[in-house]
Amino acid sequence: MKILGIDPGSLIAGYGIVEKGAGGRLIHVCEGQISMSQTRPLPERLLAISKELNSIIEAHRPEAVSIESLFYAKNFKSSAVLSHARGVALLSAASFGLPVFEYAPSAVKLAVTGYGNATKEQVQKMVKALLKTEQSFKADAADALAIAICHIHHCRLSPEKKPVKAAALKTEAI
């Protein structure tokens, strides 16, 4: 099983691919950050995210995508921009016919560190430990790897987990 984890963002979007190997061993395939200048118009940033994610999917052929679910932020504008970035990631996955699974930030932290309120540093440390590597990962890339690891752990514990259906994705009135 090869999973693409995505930590969406309009300025920095993290991605990471983890494969479940023999005996349940976690294998680091790749990771990175798609970084854009805040001075670029939003549509150009979204297009860059889409192109990069499409290239990653074409190159590595993951079997599924796991993505961080939307959380409620105090700043409406930030939430709206983040929603656009998530939408682009969902569109990229759908364009390749990949099932998408969503996880709350606290569920990802719990699956990786055992603590739902873990810090970014704790997540980075545990991702390194779980992938058995000395390689350091940037925060958004580590978060994306954690999201992929979370899905692999959930599949092991709950194999009946179903992907998010496009029709089931609803926006809530604010």
N, C-alpha and C. Protein backbone atom coordinates (compact mmCIF):
# COMPACT_ATOMS: atom_id res chain seq x y z
N MET A 1 0.84 -1.16 0.00
CA MET A 1 0.00 0.00 0.00
C MET A 1 0.90 1.24 0.00
N LYS A 2 0.66 2.15 -0.95
CA LYS A 2 1.43 3.38 -1.08
C LYS A 2 0.46 4.55 -0.96
N ILE A 3 0.71 5.42 0.03
CA ILE A 3 -0.21 6.51 0.35
C ILE A 3 0.46 7.85 0.18
N LEU A 4 -0.22 8.77 -0.49
CA LEU A 4 0.21 10.16 -0.60
C LEU A 4 -0.51 10.96 0.47
N GLY A 5 0.26 11.52 1.40
CA GLY A 5 -0.30 12.41 2.41
C GLY A 5 -0.13 13.84 1.97
N ILE A 6 -1.15 14.66 2.20
CA ILE A 6 -1.10 16.06 1.81
C ILE A 6 -1.47 16.94 3.00
N ASP A 7 -0.60 17.90 3.28
CA ASP A 7 -0.87 18.94 4.27
C ASP A 7 -1.12 20.21 3.47
N PRO A 8 -2.39 20.54 3.20
CA PRO A 8 -2.68 21.63 2.28
C PRO A 8 -2.33 23.00 2.85
N GLY A 9 -1.97 23.89 1.95
CA GLY A 9 -1.69 25.27 2.30
C GLY A 9 -1.55 26.07 1.03
N SER A 10 -1.85 27.36 1.07
CA SER A 10 -1.78 28.17 -0.14
C SER A 10 -0.40 28.79 -0.34
N LEU A 11 0.41 28.84 0.72
CA LEU A 11 1.78 29.34 0.60
C LEU A 11 2.78 28.20 0.66
N ILE A 12 2.53 27.24 1.55
CA ILE A 12 3.35 26.03 1.64
C ILE A 12 2.42 24.83 1.77
N ALA A 13 2.49 23.95 0.80
CA ALA A 13 1.72 22.71 0.84
C ALA A 13 2.72 21.57 1.00
N GLY A 14 2.53 20.77 2.03
CA GLY A 14 3.43 19.64 2.24
C GLY A 14 2.87 18.38 1.60
N TYR A 15 3.77 17.53 1.14
CA TYR A 15 3.35 16.23 0.60
C TYR A 15 4.36 15.19 1.05
N GLY A 16 3.89 13.96 1.15
CA GLY A 16 4.77 12.87 1.51
C GLY A 16 4.15 11.55 1.12
N ILE A 17 4.97 10.65 0.64
CA ILE A 17 4.48 9.32 0.27
C ILE A 17 5.16 8.29 1.16
N VAL A 18 4.31 7.45 1.75
CA VAL A 18 4.77 6.36 2.60
C VAL A 18 4.18 5.07 2.06
N GLU A 19 5.00 4.04 2.03
CA GLU A 19 4.55 2.72 1.58
C GLU A 19 4.59 1.76 2.75
N LYS A 20 3.59 0.90 2.80
CA LYS A 20 3.56 -0.15 3.82
C LYS A 20 4.26 -1.37 3.23
N GLY A 21 5.40 -1.72 3.82
CA GLY A 21 6.19 -2.83 3.31
C GLY A 21 5.88 -4.13 4.01
N ALA A 22 6.74 -5.10 3.80
CA ALA A 22 6.59 -6.42 4.40
C ALA A 22 6.60 -6.30 5.92
N GLY A 23 5.71 -7.03 6.55
CA GLY A 23 5.63 -7.02 8.00
C GLY A 23 5.10 -5.72 8.57
N GLY A 24 4.48 -4.90 7.72
CA GLY A 24 3.93 -3.64 8.19
C GLY A 24 4.96 -2.52 8.30
N ARG A 25 6.18 -2.79 7.84
CA ARG A 25 7.23 -1.78 7.90
C ARG A 25 6.85 -0.56 7.08
N LEU A 26 7.09 0.63 7.62
CA LEU A 26 6.81 1.88 6.92
C LEU A 26 8.04 2.29 6.12
N ILE A 27 7.83 2.57 4.83
CA ILE A 27 8.92 2.93 3.94
C ILE A 27 8.70 4.35 3.42
N HIS A 28 9.68 5.20 3.66
CA HIS A 28 9.65 6.57 3.16
C HIS A 28 9.96 6.55 1.67
N VAL A 29 9.03 7.05 0.86
CA VAL A 29 9.23 7.10 -0.59
C VAL A 29 9.75 8.47 -1.00
N CYS A 30 9.03 9.52 -0.61
CA CYS A 30 9.47 10.88 -0.93
C CYS A 30 8.67 11.86 -0.08
N GLU A 31 9.14 13.08 -0.05
CA GLU A 31 8.43 14.13 0.66
C GLU A 31 8.94 15.46 0.15
N GLY A 32 8.18 16.51 0.44
CA GLY A 32 8.61 17.84 0.05
C GLY A 32 7.58 18.88 0.38
N GLN A 33 7.91 20.08 0.00
CA GLN A 33 7.01 21.20 0.22
C GLN A 33 6.88 21.96 -1.10
N ILE A 34 5.67 22.36 -1.41
CA ILE A 34 5.41 23.21 -2.56
C ILE A 34 5.29 24.61 -1.98
N SER A 35 6.31 25.43 -2.21
CA SER A 35 6.34 26.77 -1.62
C SER A 35 6.11 27.82 -2.68
N MET A 36 5.29 28.80 -2.33
CA MET A 36 4.97 29.89 -3.26
C MET A 36 5.06 31.23 -2.55
N SER A 37 5.33 32.25 -3.33
CA SER A 37 5.41 33.60 -2.80
C SER A 37 4.01 34.15 -2.55
N GLN A 38 3.87 34.85 -1.45
CA GLN A 38 2.58 35.45 -1.11
C GLN A 38 2.22 36.56 -2.11
N THR A 39 3.22 37.05 -2.85
CA THR A 39 2.96 38.11 -3.82
C THR A 39 2.31 37.57 -5.10
N ARG A 40 2.40 36.24 -5.31
CA ARG A 40 1.73 35.65 -6.48
C ARG A 40 0.23 35.64 -6.24
N PRO A 41 -0.55 35.92 -7.26
CA PRO A 41 -2.01 35.85 -7.10
C PRO A 41 -2.45 34.43 -6.72
N LEU A 42 -3.51 34.35 -5.94
CA LEU A 42 -4.00 33.05 -5.47
C LEU A 42 -4.24 32.06 -6.61
N PRO A 43 -4.88 32.45 -7.73
CA PRO A 43 -5.09 31.47 -8.80
C PRO A 43 -3.78 30.86 -9.32
N GLU A 44 -2.72 31.66 -9.40
CA GLU A 44 -1.43 31.12 -9.85
C GLU A 44 -0.85 30.15 -8.83
N ARG A 45 -1.02 30.45 -7.54
CA ARG A 45 -0.52 29.54 -6.51
C ARG A 45 -1.28 28.23 -6.55
N LEU A 46 -2.59 28.30 -6.74
CA LEU A 46 -3.40 27.08 -6.80
C LEU A 46 -3.03 26.23 -8.01
N LEU A 47 -2.77 26.89 -9.14
CA LEU A 47 -2.35 26.17 -10.34
C LEU A 47 -1.01 25.48 -10.11
N ALA A 48 -0.09 26.16 -9.43
CA ALA A 48 1.23 25.56 -9.13
C ALA A 48 1.08 24.33 -8.24
N ILE A 49 0.20 24.41 -7.23
CA ILE A 49 -0.05 23.26 -6.36
C ILE A 49 -0.59 22.10 -7.19
N SER A 50 -1.56 22.38 -8.04
CA SER A 50 -2.17 21.35 -8.87
C SER A 50 -1.14 20.67 -9.77
N LYS A 51 -0.33 21.47 -10.46
CA LYS A 51 0.66 20.90 -11.37
C LYS A 51 1.66 20.03 -10.62
N GLU A 52 2.13 20.52 -9.47
CA GLU A 52 3.12 19.76 -8.69
C GLU A 52 2.52 18.45 -8.16
N LEU A 53 1.30 18.51 -7.61
CA LEU A 53 0.66 17.29 -7.10
C LEU A 53 0.42 16.30 -8.23
N ASN A 54 -0.01 16.78 -9.40
CA ASN A 54 -0.23 15.90 -10.54
C ASN A 54 1.08 15.21 -10.94
N SER A 55 2.19 15.96 -10.94
CA SER A 55 3.49 15.37 -11.27
C SER A 55 3.89 14.30 -10.27
N ILE A 56 3.65 14.57 -9.00
CA ILE A 56 3.99 13.61 -7.94
C ILE A 56 3.16 12.34 -8.09
N ILE A 57 1.87 12.50 -8.35
CA ILE A 57 0.99 11.34 -8.53
C ILE A 57 1.42 10.54 -9.75
N GLU A 58 1.72 11.21 -10.85
CA GLU A 58 2.16 10.51 -12.06
C GLU A 58 3.47 9.75 -11.83
N ALA A 59 4.40 10.38 -11.11
CA ALA A 59 5.72 9.76 -10.90
C ALA A 59 5.68 8.59 -9.94
N HIS A 60 4.85 8.67 -8.90
CA HIS A 60 4.90 7.66 -7.82
C HIS A 60 3.69 6.73 -7.76
N ARG A 61 2.64 7.04 -8.44
CA ARG A 61 1.44 6.19 -8.51
C ARG A 61 0.96 5.67 -7.15
N PRO A 62 0.60 6.58 -6.23
CA PRO A 62 0.06 6.11 -4.95
C PRO A 62 -1.30 5.44 -5.16
N GLU A 63 -1.69 4.62 -4.19
CA GLU A 63 -2.97 3.92 -4.29
C GLU A 63 -4.11 4.73 -3.69
N ALA A 64 -3.77 5.68 -2.82
CA ALA A 64 -4.78 6.51 -2.18
C ALA A 64 -4.14 7.80 -1.69
N VAL A 65 -4.98 8.76 -1.37
CA VAL A 65 -4.54 10.04 -0.85
C VAL A 65 -5.18 10.25 0.51
N SER A 66 -4.38 10.68 1.47
CA SER A 66 -4.93 11.08 2.76
C SER A 66 -4.60 12.55 2.94
N ILE A 67 -5.56 13.28 3.48
CA ILE A 67 -5.43 14.73 3.58
C ILE A 67 -5.98 15.19 4.91
N GLU A 68 -5.41 16.26 5.41
CA GLU A 68 -5.90 16.80 6.68
C GLU A 68 -7.25 17.45 6.44
N SER A 69 -8.21 17.14 7.30
CA SER A 69 -9.53 17.73 7.17
C SER A 69 -9.50 19.18 7.62
N LEU A 70 -10.49 19.90 7.21
CA LEU A 70 -10.58 21.32 7.55
C LEU A 70 -10.85 21.46 9.04
N PHE A 71 -10.18 22.39 9.65
CA PHE A 71 -10.44 22.69 11.05
C PHE A 71 -10.98 24.10 11.11
N TYR A 72 -11.63 24.41 12.19
CA TYR A 72 -12.24 25.73 12.32
C TYR A 72 -11.21 26.73 12.82
N ALA A 73 -10.93 27.71 11.99
CA ALA A 73 -9.98 28.75 12.35
C ALA A 73 -10.74 30.01 12.73
N LYS A 74 -10.09 30.83 13.50
CA LYS A 74 -10.72 32.08 13.92
C LYS A 74 -10.76 33.09 12.78
N ASN A 75 -9.82 32.99 11.85
CA ASN A 75 -9.73 33.93 10.76
C ASN A 75 -10.45 33.36 9.54
N PHE A 76 -11.55 33.98 9.16
CA PHE A 76 -12.36 33.49 8.05
C PHE A 76 -11.58 33.50 6.74
N LYS A 77 -10.84 34.58 6.48
CA LYS A 77 -10.10 34.68 5.22
C LYS A 77 -9.07 33.55 5.10
N SER A 78 -8.36 33.26 6.19
CA SER A 78 -7.38 32.16 6.16
C SER A 78 -8.07 30.83 5.89
N SER A 79 -9.22 30.62 6.52
CA SER A 79 -9.97 29.37 6.30
C SER A 79 -10.42 29.24 4.86
N ALA A 80 -10.87 30.35 4.27
CA ALA A 80 -11.34 30.32 2.88
C ALA A 80 -10.19 30.00 1.94
N VAL A 81 -9.03 30.62 2.14
CA VAL A 81 -7.88 30.36 1.28
C VAL A 81 -7.41 28.91 1.45
N LEU A 82 -7.38 28.42 2.68
CA LEU A 82 -7.00 27.03 2.93
C LEU A 82 -7.98 26.07 2.24
N SER A 83 -9.25 26.43 2.24
CA SER A 83 -10.26 25.61 1.56
C SER A 83 -9.97 25.51 0.07
N HIS A 84 -9.53 26.60 -0.52
CA HIS A 84 -9.16 26.56 -1.95
C HIS A 84 -8.01 25.59 -2.18
N ALA A 85 -7.00 25.65 -1.33
CA ALA A 85 -5.84 24.76 -1.47
C ALA A 85 -6.26 23.30 -1.30
N ARG A 86 -7.14 23.03 -0.33
CA ARG A 86 -7.64 21.66 -0.13
C ARG A 86 -8.40 21.21 -1.37
N GLY A 87 -9.21 22.11 -1.93
CA GLY A 87 -9.99 21.78 -3.12
C GLY A 87 -9.11 21.38 -4.28
N VAL A 88 -8.01 22.08 -4.47
CA VAL A 88 -7.07 21.75 -5.54
C VAL A 88 -6.47 20.36 -5.30
N ALA A 89 -6.11 20.07 -4.06
CA ALA A 89 -5.55 18.75 -3.73
C ALA A 89 -6.58 17.65 -3.98
N LEU A 90 -7.83 17.90 -3.59
CA LEU A 90 -8.89 16.92 -3.82
C LEU A 90 -9.13 16.71 -5.31
N LEU A 91 -9.07 17.80 -6.07
CA LEU A 91 -9.25 17.70 -7.52
C LEU A 91 -8.13 16.89 -8.16
N SER A 92 -6.90 17.11 -7.71
CA SER A 92 -5.78 16.34 -8.26
C SER A 92 -5.98 14.85 -8.00
N ALA A 93 -6.37 14.50 -6.78
CA ALA A 93 -6.61 13.08 -6.46
C ALA A 93 -7.74 12.52 -7.32
N ALA A 94 -8.83 13.27 -7.43
CA ALA A 94 -9.98 12.81 -8.21
C ALA A 94 -9.63 12.67 -9.69
N SER A 95 -8.76 13.54 -10.20
CA SER A 95 -8.36 13.48 -11.60
C SER A 95 -7.68 12.17 -11.95
N PHE A 96 -7.06 11.56 -10.95
CA PHE A 96 -6.38 10.27 -11.16
C PHE A 96 -7.22 9.10 -10.63
N GLY A 97 -8.44 9.38 -10.21
CA GLY A 97 -9.32 8.33 -9.72
C GLY A 97 -8.90 7.74 -8.39
N LEU A 98 -8.15 8.50 -7.60
CA LEU A 98 -7.65 7.98 -6.32
C LEU A 98 -8.66 8.20 -5.21
N PRO A 99 -8.84 7.21 -4.35
CA PRO A 99 -9.71 7.42 -3.20
C PRO A 99 -9.04 8.40 -2.23
N VAL A 100 -9.85 9.22 -1.58
CA VAL A 100 -9.35 10.22 -0.65
C VAL A 100 -9.90 9.94 0.75
N PHE A 101 -9.02 10.02 1.74
CA PHE A 101 -9.38 9.82 3.13
C PHE A 101 -8.98 11.06 3.92
N GLU A 102 -9.88 11.54 4.76
CA GLU A 102 -9.61 12.75 5.53
C GLU A 102 -9.43 12.42 7.00
N TYR A 103 -8.50 13.14 7.63
CA TYR A 103 -8.23 12.95 9.05
C TYR A 103 -8.08 14.30 9.73
N ALA A 104 -8.68 14.43 10.89
CA ALA A 104 -8.56 15.65 11.69
C ALA A 104 -7.12 15.78 12.18
N PRO A 105 -6.63 17.01 12.32
CA PRO A 105 -5.26 17.19 12.82
C PRO A 105 -4.99 16.44 14.12
N SER A 106 -5.94 16.43 15.03
CA SER A 106 -5.75 15.74 16.31
C SER A 106 -5.66 14.22 16.11
N ALA A 107 -6.39 13.68 15.13
CA ALA A 107 -6.33 12.24 14.85
C ALA A 107 -4.97 11.86 14.28
N VAL A 108 -4.41 12.73 13.43
CA VAL A 108 -3.09 12.48 12.86
C VAL A 108 -2.05 12.48 13.97
N LYS A 109 -2.09 13.48 14.83
CA LYS A 109 -1.14 13.58 15.93
C LYS A 109 -1.26 12.38 16.86
N LEU A 110 -2.48 11.96 17.15
CA LEU A 110 -2.71 10.81 18.01
C LEU A 110 -2.14 9.54 17.39
N ALA A 111 -2.38 9.35 16.09
CA ALA A 111 -1.90 8.14 15.40
C ALA A 111 -0.38 8.06 15.34
N VAL A 112 0.28 9.22 15.27
CA VAL A 112 1.73 9.23 15.10
C VAL A 112 2.47 9.34 16.42
N THR A 113 1.95 10.16 17.34
CA THR A 113 2.68 10.40 18.60
C THR A 113 2.02 9.78 19.82
N GLY A 114 0.75 9.40 19.69
CA GLY A 114 0.01 8.90 20.85
C GLY A 114 -0.62 10.00 21.67
N TYR A 115 -0.52 11.26 21.19
CA TYR A 115 -1.05 12.41 21.91
C TYR A 115 -1.67 13.37 20.90
N GLY A 116 -2.97 13.61 21.01
CA GLY A 116 -3.71 14.43 20.05
C GLY A 116 -3.37 15.90 20.02
N ASN A 117 -2.65 16.38 21.02
CA ASN A 117 -2.25 17.79 21.05
C ASN A 117 -0.74 17.94 20.92
N ALA A 118 -0.10 17.01 20.26
CA ALA A 118 1.36 17.04 20.10
C ALA A 118 1.80 18.28 19.34
N THR A 119 3.02 18.71 19.59
CA THR A 119 3.59 19.86 18.89
C THR A 119 4.13 19.41 17.53
N LYS A 120 4.42 20.39 16.69
CA LYS A 120 5.02 20.07 15.38
C LYS A 120 6.35 19.35 15.56
N GLU A 121 7.12 19.77 16.56
CA GLU A 121 8.42 19.14 16.81
C GLU A 121 8.25 17.68 17.22
N GLN A 122 7.23 17.38 18.05
CA GLN A 122 6.97 16.00 18.45
C GLN A 122 6.57 15.16 17.25
N VAL A 123 5.75 15.73 16.36
CA VAL A 123 5.34 15.01 15.16
C VAL A 123 6.56 14.73 14.29
N GLN A 124 7.41 15.73 14.08
CA GLN A 124 8.62 15.54 13.27
C GLN A 124 9.50 14.43 13.84
N LYS A 125 9.68 14.44 15.14
CA LYS A 125 10.53 13.43 15.80
C LYS A 125 9.96 12.02 15.62
N MET A 126 8.65 11.87 15.80
CA MET A 126 8.03 10.55 15.68
C MET A 126 7.98 10.07 14.23
N VAL A 127 7.81 10.98 13.29
CA VAL A 127 7.84 10.58 11.87
C VAL A 127 9.21 9.99 11.55
N LYS A 128 10.27 10.66 12.00
CA LYS A 128 11.63 10.13 11.80
C LYS A 128 11.77 8.74 12.42
N ALA A 129 11.26 8.59 13.64
CA ALA A 129 11.37 7.31 14.34
C ALA A 129 10.57 6.21 13.62
N LEU A 130 9.34 6.52 13.22
CA LEU A 130 8.49 5.53 12.57
C LEU A 130 9.04 5.11 11.20
N LEU A 131 9.69 6.06 10.51
CA LEU A 131 10.26 5.74 9.21
C LEU A 131 11.69 5.22 9.32
N LYS A 132 12.18 5.16 10.56
CA LYS A 132 13.53 4.64 10.83
C LYS A 132 14.58 5.32 9.95
N THR A 133 14.62 6.64 10.05
CA THR A 133 15.56 7.42 9.26
C THR A 133 16.19 8.51 10.13
N GLU A 134 17.35 8.92 9.73
CA GLU A 134 18.02 10.05 10.39
C GLU A 134 17.74 11.35 9.63
N GLN A 135 17.07 11.22 8.51
CA GLN A 135 16.76 12.38 7.68
C GLN A 135 15.84 13.34 8.43
N SER A 136 16.11 14.61 8.35
CA SER A 136 15.24 15.63 8.94
C SER A 136 14.24 16.09 7.89
N PHE A 137 13.03 16.32 8.34
CA PHE A 137 11.98 16.76 7.43
C PHE A 137 11.50 18.15 7.83
N LYS A 138 11.23 18.99 6.86
CA LYS A 138 10.64 20.29 7.14
C LYS A 138 9.24 20.05 7.69
N ALA A 139 8.75 21.02 8.46
CA ALA A 139 7.50 20.86 9.21
C ALA A 139 6.32 20.42 8.34
N ASP A 140 6.08 21.09 7.21
CA ASP A 140 4.91 20.74 6.40
C ASP A 140 5.07 19.39 5.71
N ALA A 141 6.29 19.04 5.33
CA ALA A 141 6.54 17.72 4.75
C ALA A 141 6.36 16.64 5.81
N ALA A 142 6.84 16.89 7.03
CA ALA A 142 6.67 15.93 8.12
C ALA A 142 5.18 15.74 8.43
N ASP A 143 4.42 16.82 8.41
CA ASP A 143 2.97 16.71 8.64
C ASP A 143 2.32 15.86 7.56
N ALA A 144 2.73 16.03 6.31
CA ALA A 144 2.17 15.24 5.22
C ALA A 144 2.53 13.76 5.37
N LEU A 145 3.76 13.48 5.75
CA LEU A 145 4.15 12.09 6.01
C LEU A 145 3.34 11.51 7.16
N ALA A 146 3.10 12.33 8.19
CA ALA A 146 2.29 11.89 9.33
C ALA A 146 0.87 11.56 8.90
N ILE A 147 0.33 12.35 7.98
CA ILE A 147 -1.03 12.10 7.48
C ILE A 147 -1.08 10.78 6.72
N ALA A 148 -0.04 10.50 5.93
CA ALA A 148 0.04 9.20 5.22
C ALA A 148 0.17 8.05 6.21
N ILE A 149 1.03 8.22 7.22
CA ILE A 149 1.21 7.18 8.25
C ILE A 149 -0.10 6.95 9.00
N CYS A 150 -0.80 8.03 9.31
CA CYS A 150 -2.09 7.92 10.01
C CYS A 150 -3.04 7.02 9.22
N HIS A 151 -3.09 7.22 7.90
CA HIS A 151 -3.99 6.40 7.09
C HIS A 151 -3.57 4.93 7.11
N ILE A 152 -2.29 4.69 7.00
CA ILE A 152 -1.80 3.30 7.03
C ILE A 152 -2.17 2.65 8.36
N HIS A 153 -2.00 3.38 9.46
CA HIS A 153 -2.38 2.85 10.79
C HIS A 153 -3.88 2.60 10.87
N HIS A 154 -4.68 3.51 10.34
CA HIS A 154 -6.13 3.33 10.39
C HIS A 154 -6.59 2.15 9.55
N CYS A 155 -5.93 1.92 8.42
CA CYS A 155 -6.29 0.77 7.58
C CYS A 155 -5.99 -0.53 8.30
N ARG A 156 -4.90 -0.54 9.06
CA ARG A 156 -4.52 -1.73 9.81
C ARG A 156 -5.54 -2.00 10.92
N LEU A 157 -5.98 -0.92 11.58
CA LEU A 157 -6.91 -1.07 12.70
C LEU A 157 -8.36 -1.15 12.26
N SER A 158 -8.69 -0.48 11.16
CA SER A 158 -10.06 -0.38 10.71
C SER A 158 -10.11 -0.53 9.19
N PRO A 159 -9.94 -1.76 8.68
CA PRO A 159 -9.85 -1.95 7.23
C PRO A 159 -11.12 -1.56 6.47
N GLU A 160 -12.23 -1.38 7.16
CA GLU A 160 -13.47 -1.04 6.47
C GLU A 160 -13.63 0.46 6.24
N LYS A 161 -12.65 1.29 6.64
CA LYS A 161 -12.74 2.73 6.45
C LYS A 161 -12.96 3.03 4.99
N LYS A 162 -13.95 3.84 4.72
CA LYS A 162 -14.33 4.18 3.35
C LYS A 162 -13.79 5.56 2.98
N PRO A 163 -13.45 5.73 1.69
CA PRO A 163 -12.98 7.05 1.26
C PRO A 163 -14.11 8.07 1.30
N VAL A 164 -13.72 9.33 1.35
CA VAL A 164 -14.69 10.41 1.31
C VAL A 164 -15.27 10.45 -0.09
N LYS A 165 -16.58 10.42 -0.19
CA LYS A 165 -17.24 10.49 -1.49
C LYS A 165 -17.36 11.96 -1.87
N ALA A 166 -17.18 12.25 -3.15
CA ALA A 166 -17.26 13.63 -3.61
C ALA A 166 -18.59 14.25 -3.22
N ALA A 167 -19.67 13.50 -3.32
CA ALA A 167 -20.98 14.02 -2.97
C ALA A 167 -21.12 14.25 -1.48
N ALA A 168 -20.30 13.57 -0.69
CA ALA A 168 -20.39 13.71 0.76
C ALA A 168 -19.64 14.94 1.27
N LEU A 169 -18.81 15.52 0.40
CA LEU A 169 -18.09 16.72 0.82
C LEU A 169 -19.06 17.89 0.79
N LYS A 170 -19.34 18.43 1.95
CA LYS A 170 -20.31 19.52 2.06
C LYS A 170 -19.64 20.72 2.68
N THR A 171 -20.08 21.87 2.26
CA THR A 171 -19.61 23.08 2.91
C THR A 171 -20.67 23.51 3.90
N GLU A 172 -20.22 24.04 5.00
CA GLU A 172 -21.17 24.48 6.01
C GLU A 172 -21.34 25.98 5.94
N ALA A 173 -22.54 26.43 6.18
CA ALA A 173 -22.79 27.88 6.23
C ALA A 173 -22.09 28.46 7.43
N ILE A 174 -21.49 29.59 7.21
CA ILE A 174 -20.75 30.23 8.31
C ILE A 174 -21.53 31.42 8.81
